[in-house]
């Protein structure tokens, strides 16, 4: 799915913790190590970086899930609140621009249309402390290990942010950075009703007829209230049904959010993250494509392709 692109794709079972897919691109054959120093094609640039474990990315609009989670738990009546989007606004002296003119919209609609105006204003209502707190609750700024492999910690540091910076942070820009595995784990926590299984790579090690190691499912501490996770699941399911298209996902009940992380002078990174709510397919996923463009048009089809294969694997077990 990532052929010709740089980036990473991850899929894991949020009920058991087993990672079914962990792809990083570009990659190489360890038996034929590339001559990076003398390569003139650029094909191996960054080849030694495992983007699933070791890289951090500007998240773009997938981070709006953090802002929405914080809003649902800290702002009374936010579900019925409406926002006015004329395509742009000014917050703290900084111009916040949307991809469209959304008019009067609710929080649910703002997430579906990825309205920057609404989420910029919402970040201001949530506040610096709460936004950082909910990023931490979802584990996005946490250092941890997966089967002994260190995972890059993300950063959501708003200590020096003014009102405009806070608005952009709530949208998923400013200095926000997230790791793919960590964000996938956060999706698992939302899918699991506020808690999720901790991801692992190695299910079992056998030596002869003896089992030397077998993974045990470990559940995270509660990140969100069950009702908050349920409301986010409803919103994310609406995103797919009304914006991205159920037709892409082969009958799976997918809940997801796309993201397009802007970089000055470069093509944006494409993001897509979410989970399935099917009883027999409890999968959470992330797709990060460097300089891929729009998340909904580039990363979403990749997610659909990989989810289809992973669903077949689960059904065959």
Protein backbone atom coordinates (compact mmCIF):
# COMPACT_ATOMS: atom_id res chain seq x y z
CA UNK A 1 0.00 0.00 0.00
CA UNK A 2 2.92 2.36 0.70
CA UNK A 3 4.77 1.51 -2.50
CA UNK A 4 6.39 4.67 -3.85
CA UNK A 5 5.74 6.64 -0.64
CA UNK A 6 7.57 7.31 2.59
CA UNK A 7 5.66 6.73 5.78
CA UNK A 8 4.20 4.09 8.03
CA UNK A 9 1.09 1.94 8.50
CA UNK A 10 0.07 0.20 11.71
CA UNK A 11 -2.86 -2.06 12.63
CA UNK A 12 -3.48 -3.78 15.96
CA UNK A 13 -6.17 -5.69 17.82
CA UNK A 14 -7.36 -3.27 20.51
CA UNK A 15 -8.89 -6.11 22.54
CA UNK A 16 -5.83 -8.39 22.69
CA UNK A 17 -2.99 -5.99 21.90
CA UNK A 18 -1.51 -8.01 19.03
CA UNK A 19 0.03 -5.90 16.25
CA UNK A 20 -1.00 -7.35 12.89
CA UNK A 21 0.76 -4.81 10.68
CA UNK A 22 3.75 -2.53 11.30
CA UNK A 23 5.12 -1.18 8.03
CA UNK A 24 7.81 1.46 7.59
CA UNK A 25 8.86 2.81 4.21
CA UNK A 26 11.42 3.03 2.73
CA UNK A 27 12.85 -0.25 3.95
CA UNK A 28 15.63 -2.56 2.84
CA UNK A 29 16.70 -6.21 2.80
CA UNK A 30 19.08 -6.77 5.78
CA UNK A 31 20.91 -9.36 3.67
CA UNK A 32 21.62 -6.67 1.06
CA UNK A 33 22.31 -3.48 2.96
CA UNK A 34 22.08 -0.47 0.60
CA UNK A 35 25.05 1.77 -0.12
CA UNK A 36 23.32 4.87 1.19
CA UNK A 37 26.42 7.04 1.07
CA UNK A 38 26.84 6.59 -2.68
CA UNK A 39 23.16 6.44 -3.64
CA UNK A 40 22.23 9.23 -6.07
CA UNK A 41 18.56 8.33 -6.55
CA UNK A 42 17.33 9.40 -3.12
CA UNK A 43 15.48 6.08 -2.77
CA UNK A 44 17.20 5.25 0.51
CA UNK A 45 16.99 8.62 2.19
CA UNK A 46 15.93 7.97 5.78
CA UNK A 47 15.95 4.20 5.23
CA UNK A 48 17.43 3.52 8.67
CA UNK A 49 14.59 5.32 10.47
CA UNK A 50 11.82 2.99 11.58
CA UNK A 51 8.92 5.36 11.13
CA UNK A 52 6.53 3.22 13.17
CA UNK A 53 8.66 3.31 16.34
CA UNK A 54 11.19 6.11 15.97
CA UNK A 55 9.52 8.98 14.10
CA UNK A 56 7.23 11.79 15.22
CA UNK A 57 4.97 13.72 12.85
CA UNK A 58 2.85 16.84 12.84
CA UNK A 59 -0.58 15.20 13.15
CA UNK A 60 -2.79 17.66 11.30
CA UNK A 61 -6.52 17.20 11.72
CA UNK A 62 -6.42 13.75 13.31
CA UNK A 63 -5.40 15.68 16.44
CA UNK A 64 -8.86 17.26 16.47
CA UNK A 65 -9.93 14.05 18.23
CA UNK A 66 -7.89 15.15 21.25
CA UNK A 67 -9.49 18.59 21.18
CA UNK A 68 -12.95 17.03 20.82
CA UNK A 69 -12.31 14.62 23.72
CA UNK A 70 -11.19 17.46 25.96
CA UNK A 71 -14.20 19.57 24.95
CA UNK A 72 -16.68 16.77 25.59
CA UNK A 73 -15.37 16.31 29.13
CA UNK A 74 -14.69 19.92 30.13
CA UNK A 75 -17.23 22.14 28.33
CA UNK A 76 -20.82 21.78 29.47
CA UNK A 77 -23.33 21.53 26.62
CA UNK A 78 -20.66 21.42 23.91
CA UNK A 79 -22.55 18.76 21.92
CA UNK A 80 -25.42 21.18 21.28
CA UNK A 81 -23.22 24.24 20.77
CA UNK A 82 -22.97 25.68 17.25
CA UNK A 83 -20.06 27.36 15.47
CA UNK A 84 -20.11 29.90 12.66
CA UNK A 85 -17.65 29.28 9.84
CA UNK A 86 -17.28 31.80 7.01
CA UNK A 87 -14.11 30.12 5.77
CA UNK A 88 -11.68 31.96 8.03
CA UNK A 89 -11.35 33.78 11.33
CA UNK A 90 -8.71 35.59 13.36
CA UNK A 91 -7.69 34.27 16.80
CA UNK A 92 -4.97 35.96 18.81
CA UNK A 93 -3.93 37.97 15.76
CA UNK A 94 -3.43 34.82 13.64
CA UNK A 95 -5.62 34.02 10.65
CA UNK A 96 -7.23 30.58 10.83
CA UNK A 97 -8.31 29.36 7.38
CA UNK A 98 -10.71 26.54 6.51
CA UNK A 99 -10.82 24.46 3.34
CA UNK A 100 -14.44 25.52 2.89
CA UNK A 101 -17.26 27.71 4.18
CA UNK A 102 -19.23 25.57 6.61
CA UNK A 103 -21.82 28.02 7.90
CA UNK A 104 -23.56 27.08 11.14
CA UNK A 105 -22.34 23.68 12.34
CA UNK A 106 -22.39 21.50 15.45
CA UNK A 107 -19.35 19.77 16.97
CA UNK A 108 -20.26 16.53 15.19
CA UNK A 109 -20.49 18.34 11.85
CA UNK A 110 -17.31 20.30 12.56
CA UNK A 111 -15.39 17.05 13.02
CA UNK A 112 -16.87 15.54 9.85
CA UNK A 113 -15.97 18.63 7.80
CA UNK A 114 -12.70 19.11 9.70
CA UNK A 115 -13.56 22.75 10.33
CA UNK A 116 -10.47 24.70 11.40
CA UNK A 117 -12.51 27.69 12.51
CA UNK A 118 -14.63 25.59 14.88
CA UNK A 119 -11.68 23.68 16.32
CA UNK A 120 -9.54 26.78 16.65
CA UNK A 121 -12.29 28.40 18.71
CA UNK A 122 -12.86 25.17 20.62
CA UNK A 123 -9.19 24.93 21.58
CA UNK A 124 -9.47 28.38 23.14
CA UNK A 125 -12.45 27.23 25.21
CA UNK A 126 -10.67 24.02 26.26
CA UNK A 127 -7.54 25.94 27.26
CA UNK A 128 -3.84 25.21 27.28
CA UNK A 129 -3.75 23.07 30.42
CA UNK A 130 -6.65 20.80 29.47
CA UNK A 131 -5.47 20.26 25.89
CA UNK A 132 -2.05 19.15 27.13
CA UNK A 133 -3.72 17.02 29.81
CA UNK A 134 -5.90 15.13 27.32
CA UNK A 135 -2.99 14.53 24.96
CA UNK A 136 -1.25 12.99 27.96
CA UNK A 137 -4.34 10.99 28.98
CA UNK A 138 -4.46 9.43 25.53
CA UNK A 139 -0.76 8.60 25.86
CA UNK A 140 0.45 10.80 23.03
CA UNK A 141 3.29 12.42 25.00
CA UNK A 142 4.27 9.27 26.88
CA UNK A 143 7.58 7.41 26.60
CA UNK A 144 7.14 3.65 26.68
CA UNK A 145 8.45 0.41 25.19
CA UNK A 146 6.75 -2.15 22.95
CA UNK A 147 8.31 -5.59 23.52
CA UNK A 148 11.47 -3.87 24.65
CA UNK A 149 11.59 -1.49 21.67
CA UNK A 150 11.62 2.20 22.70
CA UNK A 151 8.78 4.20 21.14
CA UNK A 152 9.30 7.84 20.22
CA UNK A 153 7.40 10.14 22.57
CA UNK A 154 5.23 12.80 21.02
CA UNK A 155 5.10 16.39 22.23
CA UNK A 156 2.21 18.72 22.92
CA UNK A 157 3.93 21.64 24.63
CA UNK A 158 1.79 24.76 24.95
CA UNK A 159 3.53 26.47 27.86
CA UNK A 160 4.58 29.41 25.71
CA UNK A 161 1.58 29.37 23.36
CA UNK A 162 -0.52 32.48 22.87
CA UNK A 163 -4.19 32.37 21.81
CA UNK A 164 -3.36 31.96 18.12
CA UNK A 165 -0.80 29.23 18.81
CA UNK A 166 -3.34 27.40 20.97
CA UNK A 167 -5.88 27.55 18.15
CA UNK A 168 -3.42 26.00 15.70
CA UNK A 169 -2.42 23.38 18.27
CA UNK A 170 -6.07 22.34 18.68
CA UNK A 171 -6.23 21.92 14.92
CA UNK A 172 -3.12 19.71 14.98
CA UNK A 173 -0.46 22.14 13.82
CA UNK A 174 1.76 24.57 15.84
CA UNK A 175 4.46 22.37 17.48
CA UNK A 176 2.28 19.24 17.94
CA UNK A 177 4.14 15.99 17.24
CA UNK A 178 2.81 12.42 17.48
CA UNK A 179 4.22 8.93 16.92
CA UNK A 180 2.30 6.48 14.73
CA UNK A 181 2.25 3.56 17.17
CA UNK A 182 1.24 5.86 20.02
CA UNK A 183 -1.60 7.40 18.01
CA UNK A 184 -2.76 3.92 16.97
CA UNK A 185 -2.83 2.98 20.66
CA UNK A 186 -4.92 6.09 21.39
CA UNK A 187 -7.42 4.98 18.74
CA UNK A 188 -7.60 1.63 20.52
CA UNK A 189 -8.44 3.39 23.77
CA UNK A 190 -11.32 5.26 22.16
CA UNK A 191 -12.55 2.07 20.48
CA UNK A 192 -12.35 0.18 23.76
CA UNK A 193 -14.66 2.58 25.56
CA UNK A 194 -11.90 4.64 27.17
CA UNK A 195 -9.34 1.87 27.71
CA UNK A 196 -7.53 -0.40 25.29
CA UNK A 197 -5.06 -3.24 25.17
CA UNK A 198 -1.38 -2.31 25.16
CA UNK A 199 0.18 -3.20 21.78
CA UNK A 200 2.70 -6.05 21.46
CA UNK A 201 4.61 -7.53 18.52
CA UNK A 202 5.54 -11.01 19.72
CA UNK A 203 2.59 -13.29 20.49
CA UNK A 204 4.53 -16.43 21.36
CA UNK A 205 8.04 -17.92 21.31
CA UNK A 206 8.40 -21.69 21.25
CA UNK A 207 11.52 -23.82 21.58
CA UNK A 208 10.79 -27.31 20.41
CA UNK A 209 7.57 -28.30 22.11
CA UNK A 210 7.96 -25.80 24.94
CA UNK A 211 6.56 -22.30 25.04
CA UNK A 212 9.35 -19.99 26.15
CA UNK A 213 7.21 -16.84 26.05
CA UNK A 214 3.57 -15.99 25.50
CA UNK A 215 2.17 -12.47 25.46
CA UNK A 216 -0.49 -11.49 27.95
CA UNK A 217 -3.09 -8.85 27.28
CA UNK A 218 -2.50 -5.77 29.41
CA UNK A 219 -5.15 -3.06 29.49
CA UNK A 220 -4.33 0.62 29.77
CA UNK A 221 -5.56 2.82 32.57
CA UNK A 222 -8.74 4.73 31.78
CA UNK A 223 -8.03 7.57 29.37
CA UNK A 224 -11.57 8.82 28.79
CA UNK A 225 -15.02 8.38 30.30
CA UNK A 226 -16.99 5.61 28.63
CA UNK A 227 -19.62 8.09 27.44
CA UNK A 228 -16.93 10.31 25.90
CA UNK A 229 -15.43 7.37 24.01
CA UNK A 230 -18.93 6.36 22.84
CA UNK A 231 -19.66 9.88 21.58
CA UNK A 232 -16.33 10.06 19.71
CA UNK A 233 -17.07 6.65 18.19
CA UNK A 234 -20.43 7.97 17.00
CA UNK A 235 -18.76 11.03 15.47
CA UNK A 236 -16.01 8.99 13.78
CA UNK A 237 -18.52 6.53 12.38
CA UNK A 238 -20.44 9.49 10.96
CA UNK A 239 -17.22 10.74 9.32
CA UNK A 240 -16.87 7.54 7.32
CA UNK A 241 -20.57 7.18 6.50
CA UNK A 242 -21.00 10.77 5.32
CA UNK A 243 -17.55 11.90 4.14
CA UNK A 244 -15.08 9.13 3.29
CA UNK A 245 -17.52 6.46 2.10
CA UNK A 246 -18.35 3.05 3.55
CA UNK A 247 -17.87 1.63 0.06
CA UNK A 248 -14.10 1.82 0.53
CA UNK A 249 -13.99 -0.60 3.44
CA UNK A 250 -15.60 -3.78 2.16
CA UNK A 251 -18.43 -4.00 4.66
CA UNK A 252 -16.34 -3.16 7.75
CA UNK A 253 -17.84 -0.67 10.19
CA UNK A 254 -14.97 1.79 10.20
CA UNK A 255 -14.75 4.89 12.40
CA UNK A 256 -12.02 7.32 11.32
CA UNK A 257 -10.58 10.81 10.92
CA UNK A 258 -8.35 12.07 8.14
CA UNK A 259 -5.62 14.65 8.50
CA UNK A 260 -3.51 16.83 6.21
CA UNK A 261 -0.45 18.15 8.02
CA UNK A 262 0.84 21.28 6.35
CA UNK A 263 4.57 22.05 5.95
CA UNK A 264 5.71 25.35 4.49
CA UNK A 265 7.11 24.90 0.99
CA UNK A 266 6.32 21.16 0.86
CA UNK A 267 3.44 18.89 -0.06
CA UNK A 268 1.44 18.11 3.09
CA UNK A 269 1.65 14.80 4.93
CA UNK A 270 -1.46 12.63 4.61
CA UNK A 271 -2.92 11.02 7.76
CA UNK A 272 -5.76 8.61 8.43
CA UNK A 273 -6.52 7.00 11.80
CA UNK A 274 -9.37 5.12 13.39
CA UNK A 275 -10.77 1.69 14.20
CA UNK A 276 -13.40 -0.92 13.32
CA UNK A 277 -16.33 -1.56 15.65
CA UNK A 278 -17.09 -5.03 14.26
CA UNK A 279 -17.15 -7.70 16.98
CA UNK A 280 -15.02 -10.07 14.88
CA UNK A 281 -12.66 -7.36 13.64
CA UNK A 282 -11.55 -5.20 16.62
CA UNK A 283 -8.78 -3.35 14.79
CA UNK A 284 -7.33 0.12 15.36
CA UNK A 285 -5.08 1.64 12.70
CA UNK A 286 -2.94 4.56 11.54
CA UNK A 287 -1.61 5.56 8.14
CA UNK A 288 0.98 8.36 7.90
CA UNK A 289 2.19 9.23 4.38
CA UNK A 290 4.98 11.79 4.09
CA UNK A 291 4.29 14.44 1.42
CA UNK A 292 1.26 12.44 0.36
CA UNK A 293 -1.22 15.30 0.11
CA UNK A 294 -4.78 14.94 1.40
CA UNK A 295 -5.40 12.28 4.02
CA UNK A 296 -8.89 11.42 2.79
CA UNK A 297 -7.78 10.75 -0.78
CA UNK A 298 -4.31 9.24 -0.24
CA UNK A 299 -4.13 7.64 3.22
CA UNK A 300 -7.74 6.40 3.48
CA UNK A 301 -7.51 4.00 0.48
CA UNK A 302 -4.27 2.61 1.91
CA UNK A 303 -6.00 1.97 5.23
CA UNK A 304 -8.87 0.24 3.42
CA UNK A 305 -6.49 -2.07 1.57
CA UNK A 306 -4.54 -3.08 4.69
CA UNK A 307 -7.66 -3.45 6.87
CA UNK A 308 -9.15 -5.83 4.30
CA UNK A 309 -6.12 -8.11 4.50
CA UNK A 310 -5.98 -7.96 8.31
CA UNK A 311 -9.70 -8.78 8.53
CA UNK A 312 -9.09 -11.88 6.40
CA UNK A 313 -6.29 -12.93 8.75
CA UNK A 314 -8.57 -12.61 11.79
CA UNK A 315 -11.35 -14.57 10.08
CA UNK A 316 -8.96 -17.41 9.22
CA UNK A 317 -7.73 -17.82 12.81
